[in-house]
Structures are given as structure tokens and as C-alpha cells.
Amino acid sequence: MAENSQETNSLTGLSVMTASIAMACITAIAMLAFWSGSQWGFLFSVSRYAGIGSAVLLAFILMLTWFDLREFRLPDILTLPMMVSGLGYIALSDSASLVLHILAVLIGYGLIWLIHALSDSVLGKAGIGMGDAKFLGAICAWTGIFSLPFLLVIASGAGIFVSVLLQISRRKRTGPTPAAGKVYLPFGPFLGAACWIVWSYGGFILPS
């Protein structure tokens, strides 16, 4: 029996050790992005609660990224508290925009739900999970309605790019044979990355 550090997820192919290293790198990059955004005055939120809010948001993103990479799921026990805490943060820091953030939650969740329902009825299989819908809704609770197009473009673009790179890498190793199979890539980590980019540079990319 392999040790826990060498245990591999059959969908992503990431061992616990590899995923841990990846998470450490992601954390370092996230902190660098936040630092640069704060230095340049681009942070999404500049309230007195910004430091605490940012720490809470990053913790949720990292935990959900870990779950999605390892288990291909985004548990309600994390997405729902993230959603509630996001709305709570906005209520404390910018109560005037709370209604827009609640609307953003509904639209973000509803959009993924619609994609899920259409792919299930047309293709006979779910192209995206409902955990992603709840995660996007939770992200929108923090970043608001105007962030939604940027979140989707960044997350989808990054997901496609990484998926293509993984397919090319796998084909080089195994050749263009059925044995190469498909690359199953969770969408949650890309949503999380998009969220942190918007959070760190929202003052620059979002309409004021």
C-alpha cells in the first residue's frame, strides 16, 4: 500500500505531495498578487476590514481549491459559509451595495445552473457541477455583479489553456492513442484564481 503522500487522485493524477507543493506555490503567488495590488492601489476593497476580509477569502479559496484538485468536488460546508461571510463582509464594509451583491450571487449561481441543465439535457451528461455554481455564487458575494464577466473570462480562458497544455503533454508521453484518454480538469481552482485576481486588482479592472 502506498503511503499517503504518494496517494494519487485517479481523475487529476495529483499525489498529495504534488498537490501540497502546488498549493504552497498558489499561496505564494496569491500573496504576491495581493501585495502588488495593495501597493498600486488596485485592491477591490479599501475598507478598514479589507485585511481580515482578504484573509478569510483566501482561506476559503485555498481550501476549496484543495478539495477540487483532490476530490473533484466543492463541498457545501465550505461554499455556503463563504457565501454568507462574503455578504457579511459587504454589509460591514459597503452596505450600500449589498443588494447588488445579493443579486450577483443569484445570477452567478443561476448561470452555472443553466449551463448544467442544458448540458445535461442536450449532451446527456453534466458539463459542469453544481458545486461550481455555488462556488461562483459565493465568489460573487464577495466581488459583486460587475465582476461576473471578468470572473468567467479569466477562469474559462485559464481552464482552456491549461487543459490544452495537459493534453499536449499527455500525447507526447503516450502518443495519440485511446490509452491517452481525456484530461479531467476541475473548474474550481480556476474560479478561485479568477476571484483572487479580481479581488487584488478590482480597483483597476472593474468600473468604478
Protein backbone atom coordinates (compact mmCIF):
# COMPACT_ATOMS: atom_id res chain seq x y z
CA MET A 1 0.00 0.00 0.00
CA ALA A 2 1.37 3.40 -0.97
CA GLU A 3 1.98 5.98 1.70
CA ASN A 4 -0.48 8.86 2.00
CA SER A 5 1.99 11.30 0.48
CA GLN A 6 2.06 9.20 -2.66
CA GLU A 7 -1.70 8.59 -2.87
CA THR A 8 -2.93 9.65 -6.29
CA ASN A 9 -6.29 11.01 -7.39
CA SER A 10 -7.44 8.95 -10.37
CA LEU A 11 -9.03 11.94 -12.08
CA THR A 12 -6.37 14.61 -11.76
CA GLY A 13 -3.34 12.39 -11.29
CA LEU A 14 -2.09 14.59 -8.45
CA SER A 15 -0.48 12.94 -5.46
CA VAL A 16 -0.95 14.51 -2.04
CA MET A 17 2.67 15.66 -2.11
CA THR A 18 2.32 17.22 -5.57
CA ALA A 19 -0.94 18.89 -4.63
CA SER A 20 0.66 20.23 -1.44
CA ILE A 21 3.55 21.75 -3.38
CA ALA A 22 1.10 23.21 -5.88
CA MET A 23 -0.94 24.73 -3.05
CA ALA A 24 2.17 26.26 -1.50
CA CYS A 25 3.05 27.85 -4.84
CA ILE A 26 -0.52 29.07 -5.31
CA THR A 27 -0.47 30.63 -1.84
CA ALA A 28 2.82 32.41 -2.54
CA ILE A 29 1.57 33.74 -5.88
CA ALA A 30 -1.72 34.83 -4.29
CA MET A 31 0.08 36.76 -1.58
CA LEU A 32 2.34 38.40 -4.16
CA ALA A 33 -0.69 39.40 -6.23
CA PHE A 34 -2.41 40.86 -3.16
CA TRP A 35 0.73 42.74 -2.12
CA SER A 36 1.22 44.24 -5.58
CA GLY A 37 -2.45 45.19 -5.79
CA SER A 38 -2.28 46.91 -2.41
CA GLN A 39 0.93 48.73 -3.34
CA TRP A 40 -0.58 50.06 -6.57
CA GLY A 41 -3.93 50.89 -5.00
CA PHE A 42 -5.84 48.36 -7.11
CA LEU A 43 -7.50 46.35 -4.33
CA PHE A 44 -11.18 45.59 -4.80
CA SER A 45 -11.92 46.68 -1.23
CA VAL A 46 -10.21 49.50 0.63
CA SER A 47 -12.31 49.42 3.79
CA ARG A 48 -10.82 49.05 7.26
CA TYR A 49 -11.97 45.42 7.18
CA ALA A 50 -10.03 44.69 3.98
CA GLY A 51 -7.19 42.82 5.69
CA ILE A 52 -9.46 40.49 7.65
CA GLY A 53 -11.78 40.01 4.69
CA SER A 54 -8.89 39.18 2.38
CA ALA A 55 -7.52 36.59 4.80
CA VAL A 56 -10.93 34.92 5.12
CA LEU A 57 -11.48 34.95 1.36
CA LEU A 58 -8.05 33.48 0.62
CA ALA A 59 -8.59 30.74 3.20
CA PHE A 60 -11.85 29.70 1.53
CA ILE A 61 -10.27 29.79 -1.94
CA LEU A 62 -7.33 27.63 -0.88
CA MET A 63 -9.49 25.07 0.93
CA LEU A 64 -11.91 24.76 -1.99
CA THR A 65 -9.05 24.54 -4.49
CA TRP A 66 -7.53 21.70 -2.48
CA PHE A 67 -10.84 19.81 -2.35
CA ASP A 68 -11.48 20.22 -6.06
CA LEU A 69 -7.98 19.16 -7.07
CA ARG A 70 -8.01 16.12 -4.81
CA GLU A 71 -11.64 15.01 -4.77
CA PHE A 72 -13.28 16.74 -7.73
CA ARG A 73 -15.93 18.32 -5.53
CA LEU A 74 -16.70 21.60 -3.82
CA PRO A 75 -18.45 20.81 -0.52
CA ASP A 76 -21.40 22.86 0.71
CA ILE A 77 -19.76 23.04 4.13
CA LEU A 78 -17.25 25.47 2.55
CA THR A 79 -19.11 27.17 -0.32
CA LEU A 80 -22.15 28.21 1.73
CA PRO A 81 -20.17 29.75 4.64
CA MET A 82 -18.02 31.52 2.04
CA MET A 83 -21.18 32.99 0.53
CA VAL A 84 -22.58 34.11 3.88
CA SER A 85 -19.26 35.57 5.05
CA GLY A 86 -18.92 37.46 1.77
CA LEU A 87 -22.32 39.09 2.18
CA GLY A 88 -21.48 39.79 5.83
CA TYR A 89 -18.24 41.48 4.79
CA ILE A 90 -20.07 43.68 2.27
CA ALA A 91 -22.73 44.54 4.86
CA LEU A 92 -19.96 45.81 7.15
CA SER A 93 -17.73 47.50 4.59
CA ASP A 94 -20.09 48.74 1.86
CA SER A 95 -23.70 48.25 2.91
CA ALA A 96 -24.99 50.45 0.08
CA SER A 97 -24.01 47.80 -2.48
CA LEU A 98 -25.31 44.79 -0.52
CA VAL A 99 -28.39 44.37 -2.74
CA LEU A 100 -26.19 44.27 -5.85
CA HIS A 101 -24.00 41.62 -4.26
CA ILE A 102 -27.04 39.50 -3.38
CA LEU A 103 -28.21 39.87 -6.99
CA ALA A 104 -24.73 38.82 -8.13
CA VAL A 105 -24.99 35.64 -6.04
CA LEU A 106 -28.28 34.72 -7.71
CA ILE A 107 -27.03 35.48 -11.23
CA GLY A 108 -23.70 33.69 -10.74
CA TYR A 109 -25.38 30.59 -9.33
CA GLY A 110 -28.17 30.71 -11.90
CA LEU A 111 -25.77 30.96 -14.82
CA ILE A 112 -23.87 27.80 -13.89
CA TRP A 113 -27.16 26.04 -13.06
CA LEU A 114 -28.40 26.88 -16.56
CA ILE A 115 -25.21 25.54 -18.19
CA HIS A 116 -25.50 22.40 -16.05
CA ALA A 117 -29.15 21.87 -17.03
CA LEU A 118 -28.56 22.48 -20.74
CA SER A 119 -25.54 20.20 -20.97
CA ASP A 120 -27.41 17.50 -19.08
CA SER A 121 -30.42 17.66 -21.40
CA VAL A 122 -28.56 18.17 -24.69
CA LEU A 123 -25.41 16.11 -24.15
CA GLY A 124 -26.82 13.65 -21.64
CA LYS A 125 -24.12 14.49 -19.11
CA ALA A 126 -23.35 17.37 -16.79
CA GLY A 127 -20.66 19.58 -18.28
CA ILE A 128 -20.15 21.39 -15.01
CA GLY A 129 -21.04 20.57 -11.41
CA MET A 130 -23.43 22.33 -9.08
CA GLY A 131 -20.56 22.79 -6.65
CA ASP A 132 -19.12 25.19 -9.22
CA ALA A 133 -22.45 27.05 -9.27
CA LYS A 134 -22.34 27.52 -5.50
CA PHE A 135 -18.66 28.48 -5.63
CA LEU A 136 -19.31 31.13 -8.28
CA GLY A 137 -22.25 32.42 -6.27
CA ALA A 138 -20.04 32.61 -3.18
CA ILE A 139 -17.36 34.45 -5.14
CA CYS A 140 -19.92 36.95 -6.43
CA ALA A 141 -21.00 37.57 -2.83
CA TRP A 142 -17.52 38.98 -2.29
CA THR A 143 -16.79 40.64 -5.63
CA GLY A 144 -20.20 41.84 -6.83
CA ILE A 145 -22.20 41.83 -10.02
CA PHE A 146 -19.76 43.80 -12.18
CA SER A 147 -17.05 41.22 -11.61
CA LEU A 148 -19.02 38.35 -13.17
CA PRO A 149 -17.88 38.80 -16.81
CA PHE A 150 -14.25 39.12 -15.72
CA LEU A 151 -14.51 36.05 -13.48
CA LEU A 152 -15.92 33.91 -16.28
CA VAL A 153 -13.47 35.12 -18.93
CA ILE A 154 -10.41 34.67 -16.69
CA ALA A 155 -11.48 31.28 -15.30
CA SER A 156 -12.61 29.86 -18.65
CA GLY A 157 -9.58 31.16 -20.52
CA ALA A 158 -7.15 29.79 -17.95
CA GLY A 159 -9.00 26.46 -17.83
CA ILE A 160 -8.89 26.03 -21.60
CA PHE A 161 -5.22 27.00 -21.73
CA VAL A 162 -4.17 24.55 -19.01
CA SER A 163 -6.36 21.79 -20.46
CA VAL A 164 -4.71 22.15 -23.87
CA LEU A 165 -1.24 22.08 -22.31
CA LEU A 166 -2.10 18.92 -20.36
CA GLN A 167 -3.48 17.23 -23.47
CA ILE A 168 -0.34 18.07 -25.44
CA SER A 169 1.89 16.86 -22.61
CA ARG A 170 -0.03 13.59 -22.27
CA ARG A 171 0.03 12.92 -26.01
CA LYS A 172 3.77 13.43 -26.07
CA ARG A 173 4.14 10.81 -23.35
CA THR A 174 1.64 8.23 -24.61
CA GLY A 175 1.07 9.09 -28.26
CA PRO A 176 -2.28 9.82 -29.95
CA THR A 177 -3.90 6.61 -28.76
CA PRO A 178 -7.13 5.90 -26.86
CA ALA A 179 -4.96 4.96 -23.89
CA ALA A 180 -4.11 8.62 -23.53
CA GLY A 181 -7.72 9.26 -22.54
CA LYS A 182 -9.22 12.59 -21.65
CA VAL A 183 -7.84 15.10 -19.21
CA TYR A 184 -10.37 15.74 -16.44
CA LEU A 185 -9.75 19.17 -15.02
CA PRO A 186 -11.73 20.68 -12.13
CA PHE A 187 -13.07 24.18 -12.77
CA GLY A 188 -12.99 25.30 -9.14
CA PRO A 189 -9.28 26.19 -8.98
CA PHE A 190 -9.68 28.47 -11.99
CA LEU A 191 -12.71 30.18 -10.44
CA GLY A 192 -10.67 30.66 -7.28
CA ALA A 193 -7.75 32.14 -9.20
CA ALA A 194 -10.09 34.47 -11.10
CA CYS A 195 -11.65 35.56 -7.82
CA TRP A 196 -8.30 36.45 -6.29
CA ILE A 197 -7.21 38.36 -9.40
CA VAL A 198 -10.41 40.41 -9.30
CA TRP A 199 -10.02 40.91 -5.55
CA SER A 200 -6.40 42.05 -5.88
CA TYR A 201 -6.86 44.23 -8.98
CA GLY A 202 -10.58 45.01 -8.97
CA GLY A 203 -9.92 48.69 -8.43
CA PHE A 204 -8.17 48.70 -11.81
CA ILE A 205 -10.28 46.33 -13.95
CA LEU A 206 -13.81 46.93 -12.62
CA PRO A 207 -15.94 50.00 -13.37
CA SER A 208 -15.92 52.48 -10.52
